[in-house]
PDB file of N, CA and C in Angstrom:
ATOM      1  N   MET A   1     -19.053   2.612  41.837  1.00  0.00           N
ATOM      2  CA  MET A   1     -19.696   4.061  40.556  1.00  0.00           C
ATOM      3  C   MET A   1     -21.090   4.164  40.785  1.00  0.00           C
ATOM      4  N   ALA A   2     -20.683   5.526  40.223  1.00  0.00           N
ATOM      5  CA  ALA A   2     -22.472   5.789  39.890  1.00  0.00           C
ATOM      6  C   ALA A   2     -22.738   5.228  38.649  1.00  0.00           C
ATOM      7  N   PRO A   3     -24.318   5.704  38.718  1.00  0.00           N
ATOM      8  CA  PRO A   3     -24.576   5.102  37.746  1.00  0.00           C
ATOM      9  C   PRO A   3     -24.967   5.852  36.603  1.00  0.00           C
ATOM     10  N   PRO A   4     -24.745   5.284  35.120  1.00  0.00           N
ATOM     11  CA  PRO A   4     -25.161   5.899  34.372  1.00  0.00           C
ATOM     12  C   PRO A   4     -26.254   6.886  34.235  1.00  0.00           C
ATOM     13  N   VAL A   5     -25.582   8.103  33.199  1.00  0.00           N
ATOM     14  CA  VAL A   5     -26.399   9.233  32.576  1.00  0.00           C
ATOM     15  C   VAL A   5     -26.975   8.918  31.411  1.00  0.00           C
ATOM     16  N   ALA A   6     -27.901   9.122  31.873  1.00  0.00           N
ATOM     17  CA  ALA A   6     -28.595   9.309  30.408  1.00  0.00           C
ATOM     18  C   ALA A   6     -28.421  10.425  28.726  1.00  0.00           C
ATOM     19  N   VAL A   7     -28.139   9.924  27.993  1.00  0.00           N
ATOM     20  CA  VAL A   7     -26.833  10.277  27.163  1.00  0.00           C
ATOM     21  C   VAL A   7     -28.425  11.081  26.318  1.00  0.00           C
ATOM     22  N   SER A   8     -27.765  12.624  26.034  1.00  0.00           N
ATOM     23  CA  SER A   8     -28.551  13.813  25.344  1.00  0.00           C
ATOM     24  C   SER A   8     -28.461  12.953  23.876  1.00  0.00           C
ATOM     25  N   PRO A   9     -30.073  12.814  23.284  1.00  0.00           N
ATOM     26  CA  PRO A   9     -30.580  12.274  21.807  1.00  0.00           C
ATOM     27  C   PRO A   9     -29.541  13.352  20.806  1.00  0.00           C
ATOM     28  N   LEU A  10     -29.418  14.665  21.493  1.00  0.00           N
ATOM     29  CA  LEU A  10     -28.614  15.269  19.723  1.00  0.00           C
ATOM     30  C   LEU A  10     -27.290  14.422  20.311  1.00  0.00           C
ATOM     31  N   ILE A  11     -26.727  14.482  21.591  1.00  0.00           N
ATOM     32  CA  ILE A  11     -25.286  13.428  21.079  1.00  0.00           C
ATOM     33  C   ILE A  11     -24.892  12.129  20.269  1.00  0.00           C
ATOM     34  N   LYS A  12     -26.171  11.401  20.950  1.00  0.00           N
ATOM     35  CA  LYS A  12     -26.012  10.193  19.686  1.00  0.00           C
ATOM     36  C   LYS A  12     -26.437  10.507  18.583  1.00  0.00           C
ATOM     37  N   THR A  13     -27.809  11.403  18.271  1.00  0.00           N
ATOM     38  CA  THR A  13     -26.901  11.469  16.570  1.00  0.00           C
ATOM     39  C   THR A  13     -26.064  12.469  16.300  1.00  0.00           C
ATOM     40  N   ALA A  14     -25.224  13.102  16.966  1.00  0.00           N
ATOM     41  CA  ALA A  14     -23.749  13.373  16.348  1.00  0.00           C
ATOM     42  C   ALA A  14     -22.773  12.423  15.961  1.00  0.00           C
ATOM     43  N   ARG A  15     -22.863  11.009  17.176  1.00  0.00           N
ATOM     44  CA  ARG A  15     -22.128  10.187  17.240  1.00  0.00           C
ATOM     45  C   ARG A  15     -22.653  10.193  15.291  1.00  0.00           C
ATOM     46  N   TRP A  16     -23.308   9.475  15.582  1.00  0.00           N
ATOM     47  CA  TRP A  16     -23.870   8.122  14.486  1.00  0.00           C
ATOM     48  C   TRP A  16     -23.173   8.852  13.576  1.00  0.00           C
ATOM     49  N   SER A  17     -24.246  10.187  13.665  1.00  0.00           N
ATOM     50  CA  SER A  17     -23.314  10.921  12.069  1.00  0.00           C
ATOM     51  C   SER A  17     -21.917  10.909  11.523  1.00  0.00           C
ATOM     52  N   ALA A  18     -21.773  11.070  12.676  1.00  0.00           N
ATOM     53  CA  ALA A  18     -19.618  10.850  12.598  1.00  0.00           C
ATOM     54  C   ALA A  18     -19.216   9.657  11.940  1.00  0.00           C
ATOM     55  N   LEU A  19     -20.088   8.566  12.899  1.00  0.00           N
ATOM     56  CA  LEU A  19     -20.078   7.667  12.598  1.00  0.00           C
ATOM     57  C   LEU A  19     -19.940   7.016  11.353  1.00  0.00           C
ATOM     58  N   ILE A  20     -21.507   7.418   9.992  1.00  0.00           N
ATOM     59  CA  ILE A  20     -21.398   6.619   9.008  1.00  0.00           C
ATOM     60  C   ILE A  20     -21.002   8.018   8.369  1.00  0.00           C
ATOM     61  N   ALA A  21     -20.585   9.283   8.155  1.00  0.00           N
ATOM     62  CA  ALA A  21     -20.012  10.283   7.324  1.00  0.00           C
ATOM     63  C   ALA A  21     -18.541   9.159   7.719  1.00  0.00           C
ATOM     64  N   GLY A  22     -18.005   8.860   8.204  1.00  0.00           N
ATOM     65  CA  GLY A  22     -16.440   8.155   8.605  1.00  0.00           C
ATOM     66  C   GLY A  22     -16.291   7.064   7.627  1.00  0.00           C
ATOM     67  N   ILE A  23     -17.192   6.603   7.610  1.00  0.00           N
ATOM     68  CA  ILE A  23     -17.237   4.940   6.795  1.00  0.00           C
ATOM     69  C   ILE A  23     -17.698   5.159   5.099  1.00  0.00           C
ATOM     70  N   ILE A  24     -18.956   6.554   5.018  1.00  0.00           N
ATOM     71  CA  ILE A  24     -18.744   6.913   3.923  1.00  0.00           C
ATOM     72  C   ILE A  24     -17.528   7.850   3.084  1.00  0.00           C
ATOM     73  N   TYR A  25     -16.767   8.164   3.890  1.00  0.00           N
ATOM     74  CA  TYR A  25     -15.899   8.748   2.910  1.00  0.00           C
ATOM     75  C   TYR A  25     -14.282   8.128   3.220  1.00  0.00           C
ATOM     76  N   GLY A  26     -14.851   7.262   3.809  1.00  0.00           N
ATOM     77  CA  GLY A  26     -13.656   5.939   4.014  1.00  0.00           C
ATOM     78  C   GLY A  26     -13.499   5.472   2.470  1.00  0.00           C
ATOM     79  N   LYS A  27     -14.707   4.362   2.181  1.00  0.00           N
ATOM     80  CA  LYS A  27     -15.430   3.799   0.975  1.00  0.00           C
ATOM     81  C   LYS A  27     -14.911   4.580   0.076  1.00  0.00           C
ATOM     82  N   LYS A  28     -14.537   6.136   0.071  1.00  0.00           N
ATOM     83  CA  LYS A  28     -15.050   7.001  -1.221  1.00  0.00           C
ATOM     84  C   LYS A  28     -13.159   6.897  -1.374  1.00  0.00           C
ATOM     85  N   ARG A  29     -12.462   7.871  -0.648  1.00  0.00           N
ATOM     86  CA  ARG A  29     -10.914   7.730  -0.539  1.00  0.00           C
ATOM     87  C   ARG A  29     -10.566   6.641  -0.516  1.00  0.00           C
ATOM     88  N   TYR A  30     -11.086   5.089  -0.485  1.00  0.00           N
ATOM     89  CA  TYR A  30     -11.153   3.961  -0.865  1.00  0.00           C
ATOM     90  C   TYR A  30     -10.835   3.587  -2.436  1.00  0.00           C
ATOM     91  N   ASP A  31     -11.958   3.911  -3.283  1.00  0.00           N
ATOM     92  CA  ASP A  31     -12.273   3.752  -3.482  1.00  0.00           C
ATOM     93  C   ASP A  31     -11.548   5.117  -5.264  1.00  0.00           C
ATOM     94  N   THR A  32     -10.954   5.306  -4.753  1.00  0.00           N
ATOM     95  CA  THR A  32      -9.923   6.978  -5.534  1.00  0.00           C
ATOM     96  C   THR A  32      -8.796   6.497  -5.374  1.00  0.00           C
ATOM     97  N   LEU A  33      -7.860   5.474  -4.095  1.00  0.00           N
ATOM     98  CA  LEU A  33      -6.672   4.948  -3.885  1.00  0.00           C
ATOM     99  C   LEU A  33      -5.997   3.706  -4.442  1.00  0.00           C
ATOM    100  N   LYS A  34      -7.411   3.350  -4.543  1.00  0.00           N
ATOM    101  CA  LYS A  34      -7.688   1.596  -5.136  1.00  0.00           C
ATOM    102  C   LYS A  34      -6.828   1.858  -6.984  1.00  0.00           C
ATOM    103  N   PRO A  35      -7.616   2.203  -7.640  1.00  0.00           N
ATOM    104  CA  PRO A  35      -6.304   2.528  -9.079  1.00  0.00           C
ATOM    105  C   PRO A  35      -4.877   3.233  -9.003  1.00  0.00           C
ATOM    106  N   ILE A  36      -5.048   4.035  -8.500  1.00  0.00           N
ATOM    107  CA  ILE A  36      -3.867   4.677  -7.996  1.00  0.00           C
ATOM    108  C   ILE A  36      -2.913   3.384  -7.710  1.00  0.00           C
ATOM    109  N   ALA A  37      -3.191   2.941  -6.367  1.00  0.00           N
ATOM    110  CA  ALA A  37      -1.984   1.393  -6.006  1.00  0.00           C
ATOM    111  C   ALA A  37      -2.259   0.166  -6.742  1.00  0.00           C
ATOM    112  N   ALA A  38      -2.843   0.416  -7.653  1.00  0.00           N
ATOM    113  CA  ALA A  38      -2.878  -1.239  -8.770  1.00  0.00           C
ATOM    114  C   ALA A  38      -1.742  -1.002  -9.398  1.00  0.00           C
ATOM    115  N   GLU A  39      -2.083   0.956 -10.079  1.00  0.00           N
ATOM    116  CA  GLU A  39      -0.789   0.687 -11.394  1.00  0.00           C
ATOM    117  C   GLU A  39       0.229   0.889 -10.277  1.00  0.00           C
ATOM    118  N   GLU A  40       0.529   1.382  -9.302  1.00  0.00           N
ATOM    119  CA  GLU A  40       1.937   1.832  -8.748  1.00  0.00           C
ATOM    120  C   GLU A  40       2.563   0.679  -8.530  1.00  0.00           C
ATOM    121  N   ARG A  41       1.540  -0.612  -7.695  1.00  0.00           N
ATOM    122  CA  ARG A  41       1.959  -2.649  -8.111  1.00  0.00           C
ATOM    123  C   ARG A  41       2.816  -2.751  -9.576  1.00  0.00           C
ATOM    124  N   LYS A  42       1.765  -2.719 -10.649  1.00  0.00           N
ATOM    125  CA  LYS A  42       2.100  -2.659 -12.406  1.00  0.00           C
ATOM    126  C   LYS A  42       3.175  -2.347 -11.556  1.00  0.00           C
ATOM    127  N   ILE A  43       3.542  -1.419 -12.168  1.00  0.00           N
ATOM    128  CA  ILE A  43       5.255  -0.437 -12.108  1.00  0.00           C
ATOM    129  C   ILE A  43       6.497  -0.999 -11.381  1.00  0.00           C
ATOM    130  N   GLU A  44       5.536  -1.141 -10.464  1.00  0.00           N
ATOM    131  CA  GLU A  44       7.410  -1.956  -9.223  1.00  0.00           C
ATOM    132  C   GLU A  44       6.869  -3.016  -9.871  1.00  0.00           C
ATOM    133  N   GLU A  45       6.254  -3.497 -10.274  1.00  0.00           N
ATOM    134  CA  GLU A  45       6.501  -5.142 -10.445  1.00  0.00           C
ATOM    135  C   GLU A  45       7.528  -5.356 -12.008  1.00  0.00           C
ATOM    136  N   GLU A  46       7.282  -4.273 -12.970  1.00  0.00           N
ATOM    137  CA  GLU A  46       7.508  -4.164 -14.324  1.00  0.00           C
ATOM    138  C   GLU A  46       9.143  -4.068 -13.860  1.00  0.00           C
ATOM    139  N   GLU A  47       9.673  -2.307 -13.481  1.00  0.00           N
ATOM    140  CA  GLU A  47      11.502  -2.357 -12.482  1.00  0.00           C
ATOM    141  C   GLU A  47      11.749  -3.551 -11.961  1.00  0.00           C
ATOM    142  N   LYS A  48      10.895  -4.477 -11.006  1.00  0.00           N
ATOM    143  CA  LYS A  48      12.012  -4.946 -10.360  1.00  0.00           C
ATOM    144  C   LYS A  48      12.361  -6.531 -12.072  1.00  0.00           C
ATOM    145  N   LYS A  49      11.233  -6.874 -11.896  1.00  0.00           N
ATOM    146  CA  LYS A  49      11.738  -7.662 -13.629  1.00  0.00           C
ATOM    147  C   LYS A  49      13.195  -7.321 -14.489  1.00  0.00           C
ATOM    148  N   VAL A  50      13.418  -5.712 -14.647  1.00  0.00           N
ATOM    149  CA  VAL A  50      14.053  -5.270 -15.451  1.00  0.00           C
ATOM    150  C   VAL A  50      15.566  -5.449 -14.271  1.00  0.00           C
ATOM    151  N   ARG A  51      15.328  -4.750 -12.979  1.00  0.00           N
ATOM    152  CA  ARG A  51      16.616  -4.742 -11.686  1.00  0.00           C
ATOM    153  C   ARG A  51      16.922  -6.571 -11.908  1.00  0.00           C
ATOM    154  N   GLU A  52      16.059  -7.409 -12.301  1.00  0.00           N
ATOM    155  CA  GLU A  52      16.581  -8.687 -12.063  1.00  0.00           C
ATOM    156  C   GLU A  52      17.593  -9.386 -13.407  1.00  0.00           C
ATOM    157  N   GLU A  53      16.527  -8.442 -14.171  1.00  0.00           N
ATOM    158  CA  GLU A  53      17.877  -8.795 -15.406  1.00  0.00           C
ATOM    159  C   GLU A  53      19.720  -8.190 -15.404  1.00  0.00           C
ATOM    160  N   GLN A  54      18.969  -7.079 -15.331  1.00  0.00           N
ATOM    161  CA  GLN A  54      20.440  -6.435 -14.967  1.00  0.00           C
ATOM    162  C   GLN A  54      21.177  -7.202 -14.022  1.00  0.00           C
ATOM    163  N   GLU A  55      20.745  -7.735 -13.103  1.00  0.00           N
ATOM    164  CA  GLU A  55      21.580  -7.701 -11.801  1.00  0.00           C
ATOM    165  C   GLU A  55      21.827  -9.612 -12.170  1.00  0.00           C
ATOM    166  N   ARG A  56      20.852 -10.126 -13.294  1.00  0.00           N
ATOM    167  CA  ARG A  56      21.340 -11.246 -13.465  1.00  0.00           C
ATOM    168  C   ARG A  56      22.626 -11.634 -14.708  1.00  0.00           C
ATOM    169  N   ILE A  57      22.811  -9.967 -16.013  1.00  0.00           N
ATOM    170  CA  ILE A  57      23.607 -10.358 -16.162  1.00  0.00           C
ATOM    171  C   ILE A  57      24.616  -9.988 -15.995  1.00  0.00           C
ATOM    172  N   ALA A  58      24.931  -8.787 -14.276  1.00  0.00           N
ATOM    173  CA  ALA A  58      26.072  -8.239 -14.536  1.00  0.00           C
ATOM    174  C   ALA A  58      26.567  -9.828 -13.514  1.00  0.00           C
ATOM    175  N   LYS A  59      26.493 -10.677 -13.059  1.00  0.00           N
ATOM    176  CA  LYS A  59      27.023 -12.239 -11.821  1.00  0.00           C
ATOM    177  C   LYS A  59      26.617 -12.520 -13.925  1.00  0.00           C
ATOM    178  N   GLN A  60      26.370 -12.409 -14.568  1.00  0.00           N
ATOM    179  CA  GLN A  60      27.065 -13.476 -15.180  1.00  0.00           C
ATOM    180  C   GLN A  60      28.637 -12.915 -15.727  1.00  0.00           C
ATOM    181  N   LEU A  61      28.755 -11.319 -16.218  1.00  0.00           N
ATOM    182  CA  LEU A  61      29.692 -10.744 -16.064  1.00  0.00           C
ATOM    183  C   LEU A  61      30.236 -10.811 -15.148  1.00  0.00           C
ATOM    184  N   ALA A  62      30.275 -10.753 -14.113  1.00  0.00           N
ATOM    185  CA  ALA A  62      31.389 -11.477 -13.223  1.00  0.00           C
ATOM    186  C   ALA A  62      31.319 -12.818 -13.232  1.00  0.00           C
ATOM    187  N   GLU A  63      30.898 -13.777 -13.354  1.00  0.00           N
ATOM    188  CA  GLU A  63      31.767 -14.771 -13.552  1.00  0.00           C
ATOM    189  C   GLU A  63      31.972 -14.354 -14.644  1.00  0.00           C
ATOM    190  N   ALA A  64      31.861 -14.541 -15.971  1.00  0.00           N
ATOM    191  CA  ALA A  64      33.000 -14.585 -16.874  1.00  0.00           C
ATOM    192  C   ALA A  64      34.198 -13.881 -16.576  1.00  0.00           C
ATOM    193  N   SER A  65      34.089 -12.487 -15.945  1.00  0.00           N
ATOM    194  CA  SER A  65      35.989 -11.773 -15.398  1.00  0.00           C
ATOM    195  C   SER A  65      36.699 -12.562 -14.439  1.00  0.00           C
ATOM    196  N   GLU A  66      35.960 -13.482 -14.013  1.00  0.00           N
ATOM    197  CA  GLU A  66      36.204 -14.255 -12.958  1.00  0.00           C
ATOM    198  C   GLU A  66      37.671 -15.012 -13.329  1.00  0.00           C
ATOM    199  N   GLU A  67      36.096 -16.150 -14.503  1.00  0.00           N
ATOM    200  CA  GLU A  67      37.057 -17.053 -15.859  1.00  0.00           C
ATOM    201  C   GLU A  67      38.149 -16.884 -16.528  1.00  0.00           C
ATOM    202  N   SER A  68      37.852 -15.996 -16.753  1.00  0.00           N
ATOM    203  CA  SER A  68      39.370 -15.019 -17.876  1.00  0.00           C
ATOM    204  C   SER A  68      40.786 -14.695 -17.126  1.00  0.00           C
ATOM    205  N   ILE A  69      40.171 -14.170 -15.467  1.00  0.00           N
ATOM    206  CA  ILE A  69      41.559 -13.697 -14.581  1.00  0.00           C
ATOM    207  C   ILE A  69      42.155 -15.795 -14.289  1.00  0.00           C
ATOM    208  N   LEU A  70      41.427 -16.112 -14.053  1.00  0.00           N
ATOM    209  CA  LEU A  70      41.964 -17.612 -13.925  1.00  0.00           C
ATOM    210  C   LEU A  70      42.465 -17.967 -15.037  1.00  0.00           C
ATOM    211  N   LYS A  71      42.620 -17.839 -16.040  1.00  0.00           N
ATOM    212  CA  LYS A  71      42.580 -18.331 -17.217  1.00  0.00           C
ATOM    213  C   LYS A  71      44.390 -18.244 -17.189  1.00  0.00           C
TER     214      LYS A  71
END
């Protein structure tokens, strides 16, 4: 293998700058999306409760109609 080549200080600086900029952007983006996701989870939880209640009622009605058919 060939010996390693010295990397230009300009390239090193550009790489580190891009890394730091990416970390800062990611943190800002995460802070922006976190409350939105929390609200979506809250809404989904409420919808799940309603859906489960509707399924429970439908199951009770199905059982009641089966009992009335069997009588």
